[in-house]
Structures are given as C-alpha cells and as structure tokens.
Amino acid sequence: MAGEPFRVEMIEEKAMEVYVGDILTIADKIKTIREAIRKDADSVYRRLERAGYVRRLAKQTEETLPELIAEAYADDWTVAGIAESLAVSESYVYRVLREQRDK
C-alpha cells in the first residue's frame, strides 16, 4: 500500500461541512416558512375569518342569554353576580328576568 495513509479526520471534516451546510439551509427554510405563516396570520382574510367566527359564537350566545340569566338567577345567583359575569348592567339583567317571567 503505497501512498498517503487513510485519514479519517479528513472525511469527518468534509462530512461536517456538508452536514452543517444542510442544517443551515434547513434553518433558512424554516425561518422563511415561519415568516410566511406569521404574515398570513395577520392578513385581512385571517382577521375577517376570526372575526366572523367570534361574531357567530356571540350571536349564538346572545340567543340563549335570556334563558341562561333566568337559570342562573333560579340557581341563587345574585343579579350583581350575573351582571358582572356577563359584563352587562344590573338593569339589563332585571329587564331580561322580567321578560322571562312574563313569557
């Protein structure tokens, strides 16, 4: 076997260069994808989508709110406690209770 001796270190160094390059390339791709996702998350489309979802939930809640108020009052909640939990005025709670009683 003539020639230079086999150098494991040289192979390891070359492999390391390739692997480090691959890792840096992947890291750049991840960074680009994250930036795109963040940008899309703040887009008008996404904001409208979220707002529509919240609005539909609020509408469903609003439809069942009188029954919920009456149920809470029947379960010994105070008017003040109901109003505070729902972020409404006490007069609103009283009005809803009167309307529920009159049904």
N, C-alpha and C. Protein backbone atom coordinates (compact mmCIF):
# COMPACT_ATOMS: atom_id res chain seq x y z
N MET A 1 0.83 -1.17 0.00
CA MET A 1 0.00 0.00 0.00
C MET A 1 0.87 1.24 0.00
N ALA A 2 1.09 1.72 -1.14
CA ALA A 2 1.90 2.92 -1.25
C ALA A 2 1.00 4.13 -1.22
N GLY A 3 1.54 5.27 -0.91
CA GLY A 3 0.77 6.50 -0.88
C GLY A 3 0.52 6.98 0.52
N GLU A 4 -0.37 7.94 0.61
CA GLU A 4 -0.67 8.53 1.92
C GLU A 4 -1.54 7.60 2.75
N PRO A 5 -1.38 7.70 4.05
CA PRO A 5 -2.24 6.89 4.91
C PRO A 5 -3.68 7.42 4.88
N PHE A 6 -4.63 6.54 5.14
CA PHE A 6 -6.05 6.88 5.15
C PHE A 6 -6.32 7.84 6.31
N ARG A 7 -6.91 8.99 5.99
CA ARG A 7 -7.15 10.00 7.03
C ARG A 7 -8.64 10.10 7.32
N VAL A 8 -9.05 9.55 8.45
CA VAL A 8 -10.44 9.59 8.88
C VAL A 8 -10.84 11.03 9.18
N GLU A 9 -9.91 11.79 9.72
CA GLU A 9 -10.20 13.17 10.08
C GLU A 9 -10.64 13.99 8.87
N MET A 10 -10.00 13.75 7.72
CA MET A 10 -10.34 14.49 6.52
C MET A 10 -11.77 14.18 6.08
N ILE A 11 -12.16 12.94 6.15
CA ILE A 11 -13.53 12.54 5.78
C ILE A 11 -14.53 13.16 6.76
N GLU A 12 -14.20 13.11 8.03
CA GLU A 12 -15.09 13.70 9.04
C GLU A 12 -15.26 15.20 8.81
N GLU A 13 -14.17 15.90 8.47
CA GLU A 13 -14.25 17.33 8.22
C GLU A 13 -15.14 17.64 7.02
N LYS A 14 -14.98 16.87 5.95
CA LYS A 14 -15.79 17.10 4.74
C LYS A 14 -17.26 16.80 5.04
N ALA A 15 -17.51 15.70 5.75
CA ALA A 15 -18.88 15.34 6.11
C ALA A 15 -19.50 16.44 6.97
N MET A 16 -18.72 16.96 7.92
CA MET A 16 -19.20 18.01 8.80
C MET A 16 -19.57 19.25 8.00
N GLU A 17 -18.74 19.62 7.03
CA GLU A 17 -19.03 20.78 6.19
C GLU A 17 -20.35 20.59 5.45
N VAL A 18 -20.57 19.40 4.91
CA VAL A 18 -21.80 19.11 4.17
C VAL A 18 -23.00 19.17 5.11
N TYR A 19 -22.88 18.51 6.26
CA TYR A 19 -23.98 18.47 7.21
C TYR A 19 -24.32 19.85 7.76
N VAL A 20 -23.30 20.62 8.08
CA VAL A 20 -23.54 21.97 8.59
C VAL A 20 -24.22 22.82 7.51
N GLY A 21 -23.79 22.67 6.29
CA GLY A 21 -24.43 23.39 5.19
C GLY A 21 -25.89 23.00 5.05
N ASP A 22 -26.16 21.70 5.14
CA ASP A 22 -27.55 21.22 5.06
C ASP A 22 -28.39 21.76 6.21
N ILE A 23 -27.84 21.76 7.39
CA ILE A 23 -28.57 22.25 8.57
C ILE A 23 -28.88 23.74 8.41
N LEU A 24 -27.92 24.51 7.93
CA LEU A 24 -28.15 25.94 7.74
C LEU A 24 -29.21 26.19 6.66
N THR A 25 -29.20 25.38 5.61
CA THR A 25 -30.21 25.51 4.56
C THR A 25 -31.59 25.21 5.11
N ILE A 26 -31.71 24.14 5.90
CA ILE A 26 -32.99 23.79 6.50
C ILE A 26 -33.45 24.89 7.46
N ALA A 27 -32.53 25.43 8.25
CA ALA A 27 -32.87 26.51 9.19
C ALA A 27 -33.40 27.72 8.44
N ASP A 28 -32.80 28.06 7.30
CA ASP A 28 -33.29 29.18 6.49
C ASP A 28 -34.68 28.91 5.95
N LYS A 29 -34.94 27.67 5.53
CA LYS A 29 -36.27 27.32 5.03
C LYS A 29 -37.32 27.43 6.14
N ILE A 30 -36.97 26.96 7.33
CA ILE A 30 -37.89 27.05 8.47
C ILE A 30 -38.19 28.51 8.79
N LYS A 31 -37.16 29.34 8.77
CA LYS A 31 -37.34 30.76 9.04
C LYS A 31 -38.27 31.40 8.01
N THR A 32 -38.08 31.07 6.76
CA THR A 32 -38.92 31.61 5.69
C THR A 32 -40.37 31.17 5.86
N ILE A 33 -40.57 29.90 6.20
CA ILE A 33 -41.93 29.37 6.40
C ILE A 33 -42.59 30.05 7.60
N ARG A 34 -41.86 30.21 8.69
CA ARG A 34 -42.41 30.88 9.87
C ARG A 34 -42.82 32.30 9.56
N GLU A 35 -42.00 33.01 8.82
CA GLU A 35 -42.32 34.40 8.46
C GLU A 35 -43.58 34.44 7.60
N ALA A 36 -43.71 33.49 6.68
CA ALA A 36 -44.90 33.45 5.82
C ALA A 36 -46.15 33.15 6.65
N ILE A 37 -46.02 32.23 7.59
CA ILE A 37 -47.17 31.89 8.45
C ILE A 37 -47.58 33.08 9.29
N ARG A 38 -46.61 33.77 9.87
CA ARG A 38 -46.93 34.95 10.69
C ARG A 38 -47.57 36.04 9.85
N LYS A 39 -47.06 36.23 8.65
CA LYS A 39 -47.63 37.26 7.78
C LYS A 39 -49.07 36.90 7.43
N ASP A 40 -49.29 35.61 7.11
CA ASP A 40 -50.64 35.16 6.76
C ASP A 40 -51.57 35.26 7.96
N ALA A 41 -51.06 35.02 9.16
CA ALA A 41 -51.89 35.08 10.37
C ALA A 41 -52.43 36.48 10.60
N ASP A 42 -51.71 37.48 10.13
CA ASP A 42 -52.15 38.86 10.30
C ASP A 42 -52.86 39.41 9.06
N SER A 43 -53.08 38.57 8.08
CA SER A 43 -53.71 39.07 6.85
C SER A 43 -55.16 39.44 7.10
N VAL A 44 -55.69 40.27 6.24
CA VAL A 44 -57.08 40.70 6.34
C VAL A 44 -58.00 39.48 6.27
N TYR A 45 -57.69 38.55 5.40
CA TYR A 45 -58.51 37.34 5.27
C TYR A 45 -58.61 36.60 6.59
N ARG A 46 -57.46 36.37 7.24
CA ARG A 46 -57.46 35.64 8.52
C ARG A 46 -58.17 36.42 9.61
N ARG A 47 -57.96 37.74 9.63
CA ARG A 47 -58.62 38.55 10.64
C ARG A 47 -60.13 38.54 10.44
N LEU A 48 -60.58 38.63 9.20
CA LEU A 48 -62.02 38.55 8.91
C LEU A 48 -62.58 37.19 9.29
N GLU A 49 -61.82 36.16 8.97
CA GLU A 49 -62.25 34.80 9.31
C GLU A 49 -62.45 34.65 10.82
N ARG A 50 -61.47 35.12 11.60
CA ARG A 50 -61.58 35.05 13.06
C ARG A 50 -62.74 35.90 13.57
N ALA A 51 -62.89 37.09 13.02
CA ALA A 51 -63.96 37.99 13.46
C ALA A 51 -65.32 37.38 13.16
N GLY A 52 -65.45 36.76 12.00
CA GLY A 52 -66.71 36.10 11.66
C GLY A 52 -67.03 34.96 12.60
N TYR A 53 -66.02 34.19 12.95
CA TYR A 53 -66.20 33.08 13.88
C TYR A 53 -66.66 33.60 15.25
N VAL A 54 -65.98 34.62 15.75
CA VAL A 54 -66.33 35.19 17.05
C VAL A 54 -67.74 35.78 17.01
N ARG A 55 -68.08 36.43 15.92
CA ARG A 55 -69.41 37.03 15.78
C ARG A 55 -70.50 35.96 15.79
N ARG A 56 -70.27 34.85 15.08
CA ARG A 56 -71.27 33.77 15.07
C ARG A 56 -71.44 33.18 16.47
N LEU A 57 -70.33 33.00 17.17
CA LEU A 57 -70.42 32.49 18.55
C LEU A 57 -71.19 33.47 19.44
N ALA A 58 -70.90 34.75 19.28
CA ALA A 58 -71.58 35.76 20.09
C ALA A 58 -73.08 35.77 19.79
N LYS A 59 -73.42 35.60 18.53
CA LYS A 59 -74.83 35.59 18.14
C LYS A 59 -75.55 34.39 18.76
N GLN A 60 -74.91 33.23 18.72
CA GLN A 60 -75.50 32.04 19.34
C GLN A 60 -75.66 32.24 20.83
N THR A 61 -74.66 32.83 21.47
CA THR A 61 -74.73 33.08 22.91
C THR A 61 -75.82 34.08 23.22
N GLU A 62 -75.92 35.11 22.42
CA GLU A 62 -76.93 36.15 22.63
C GLU A 62 -78.35 35.57 22.57
N GLU A 63 -78.56 34.61 21.69
CA GLU A 63 -79.88 33.99 21.55
C GLU A 63 -80.27 33.20 22.80
N THR A 64 -79.30 32.60 23.46
CA THR A 64 -79.59 31.77 24.63
C THR A 64 -79.36 32.51 25.95
N LEU A 65 -78.93 33.75 25.87
CA LEU A 65 -78.60 34.51 27.06
C LEU A 65 -79.78 34.70 28.02
N PRO A 66 -80.98 35.04 27.55
CA PRO A 66 -82.09 35.20 28.49
C PRO A 66 -82.35 33.93 29.32
N GLU A 67 -82.33 32.77 28.67
CA GLU A 67 -82.55 31.53 29.42
C GLU A 67 -81.42 31.29 30.43
N LEU A 68 -80.19 31.62 30.03
CA LEU A 68 -79.06 31.45 30.92
C LEU A 68 -79.16 32.35 32.14
N ILE A 69 -79.58 33.58 31.91
CA ILE A 69 -79.75 34.53 33.02
C ILE A 69 -80.82 34.02 33.98
N ALA A 70 -81.94 33.58 33.43
CA ALA A 70 -83.02 33.06 34.28
C ALA A 70 -82.56 31.82 35.04
N GLU A 71 -81.82 30.96 34.38
CA GLU A 71 -81.32 29.75 35.03
C GLU A 71 -80.34 30.09 36.15
N ALA A 72 -79.47 31.04 35.91
CA ALA A 72 -78.51 31.43 36.94
C ALA A 72 -79.23 32.05 38.14
N TYR A 73 -80.24 32.88 37.87
CA TYR A 73 -80.99 33.51 38.95
C TYR A 73 -81.75 32.45 39.76
N ALA A 74 -82.33 31.48 39.07
CA ALA A 74 -83.04 30.39 39.76
C ALA A 74 -82.06 29.53 40.57
N ASP A 75 -80.80 29.54 40.18
CA ASP A 75 -79.77 28.76 40.87
C ASP A 75 -79.10 29.60 41.98
N ASP A 76 -79.80 30.65 42.41
CA ASP A 76 -79.38 31.52 43.52
C ASP A 76 -78.20 32.43 43.20
N TRP A 77 -77.98 32.74 41.95
CA TRP A 77 -77.01 33.78 41.61
C TRP A 77 -77.66 35.13 41.90
N THR A 78 -76.86 36.09 42.32
CA THR A 78 -77.38 37.43 42.51
C THR A 78 -77.41 38.15 41.17
N VAL A 79 -78.26 39.18 41.11
CA VAL A 79 -78.31 39.98 39.89
C VAL A 79 -76.95 40.62 39.63
N ALA A 80 -76.32 41.11 40.70
CA ALA A 80 -75.00 41.73 40.55
C ALA A 80 -73.98 40.71 40.04
N GLY A 81 -74.04 39.48 40.55
CA GLY A 81 -73.11 38.44 40.11
C GLY A 81 -73.30 38.07 38.65
N ILE A 82 -74.56 37.98 38.24
CA ILE A 82 -74.86 37.66 36.83
C ILE A 82 -74.36 38.79 35.93
N ALA A 83 -74.68 40.03 36.32
CA ALA A 83 -74.28 41.18 35.52
C ALA A 83 -72.76 41.25 35.39
N GLU A 84 -72.07 41.03 36.48
CA GLU A 84 -70.61 41.09 36.44
C GLU A 84 -70.03 39.98 35.56
N SER A 85 -70.56 38.79 35.68
CA SER A 85 -70.06 37.66 34.88
C SER A 85 -70.27 37.88 33.39
N LEU A 86 -71.38 38.52 33.04
CA LEU A 86 -71.70 38.72 31.62
C LEU A 86 -71.25 40.08 31.09
N ALA A 87 -70.68 40.91 31.97
CA ALA A 87 -70.24 42.26 31.58
C ALA A 87 -71.41 43.07 31.02
N VAL A 88 -72.53 43.00 31.74
CA VAL A 88 -73.71 43.80 31.40
C VAL A 88 -74.14 44.54 32.66
N SER A 89 -75.08 45.45 32.50
CA SER A 89 -75.55 46.20 33.67
C SER A 89 -76.58 45.38 34.45
N GLU A 90 -76.76 45.75 35.70
CA GLU A 90 -77.77 45.07 36.51
C GLU A 90 -79.16 45.33 35.97
N SER A 91 -79.38 46.55 35.46
CA SER A 91 -80.70 46.86 34.91
C SER A 91 -81.02 45.96 33.72
N TYR A 92 -80.01 45.61 32.94
CA TYR A 92 -80.22 44.69 31.82
C TYR A 92 -80.67 43.33 32.35
N VAL A 93 -80.01 42.85 33.40
CA VAL A 93 -80.36 41.56 33.98
C VAL A 93 -81.78 41.59 34.51
N TYR A 94 -82.14 42.66 35.22
CA TYR A 94 -83.51 42.78 35.73
C TYR A 94 -84.53 42.77 34.59
N ARG A 95 -84.23 43.50 33.53
CA ARG A 95 -85.14 43.57 32.38
C ARG A 95 -85.33 42.18 31.77
N VAL A 96 -84.22 41.47 31.58
CA VAL A 96 -84.30 40.11 31.00
C VAL A 96 -85.09 39.19 31.91
N LEU A 97 -84.88 39.31 33.21
CA LEU A 97 -85.64 38.47 34.16
C LEU A 97 -87.13 38.78 34.10
N ARG A 98 -87.47 40.06 34.00
CA ARG A 98 -88.90 40.42 33.87
C ARG A 98 -89.49 39.83 32.60
N GLU A 99 -88.74 39.97 31.49
CA GLU A 99 -89.22 39.43 30.22
C GLU A 99 -89.38 37.91 30.28
N GLN A 100 -88.48 37.24 30.93
CA GLN A 100 -88.55 35.79 31.06
C GLN A 100 -89.75 35.39 31.93
N ARG A 101 -89.99 36.16 32.98
CA ARG A 101 -91.12 35.88 33.88
C ARG A 101 -92.45 36.09 33.15
N ASP A 102 -92.50 37.09 32.27
CA ASP A 102 -93.73 37.41 31.57
C ASP A 102 -94.06 36.44 30.44
N LYS A 103 -93.15 35.60 30.09
CA LYS A 103 -93.39 34.64 28.99
C LYS A 103 -94.35 33.57 29.38
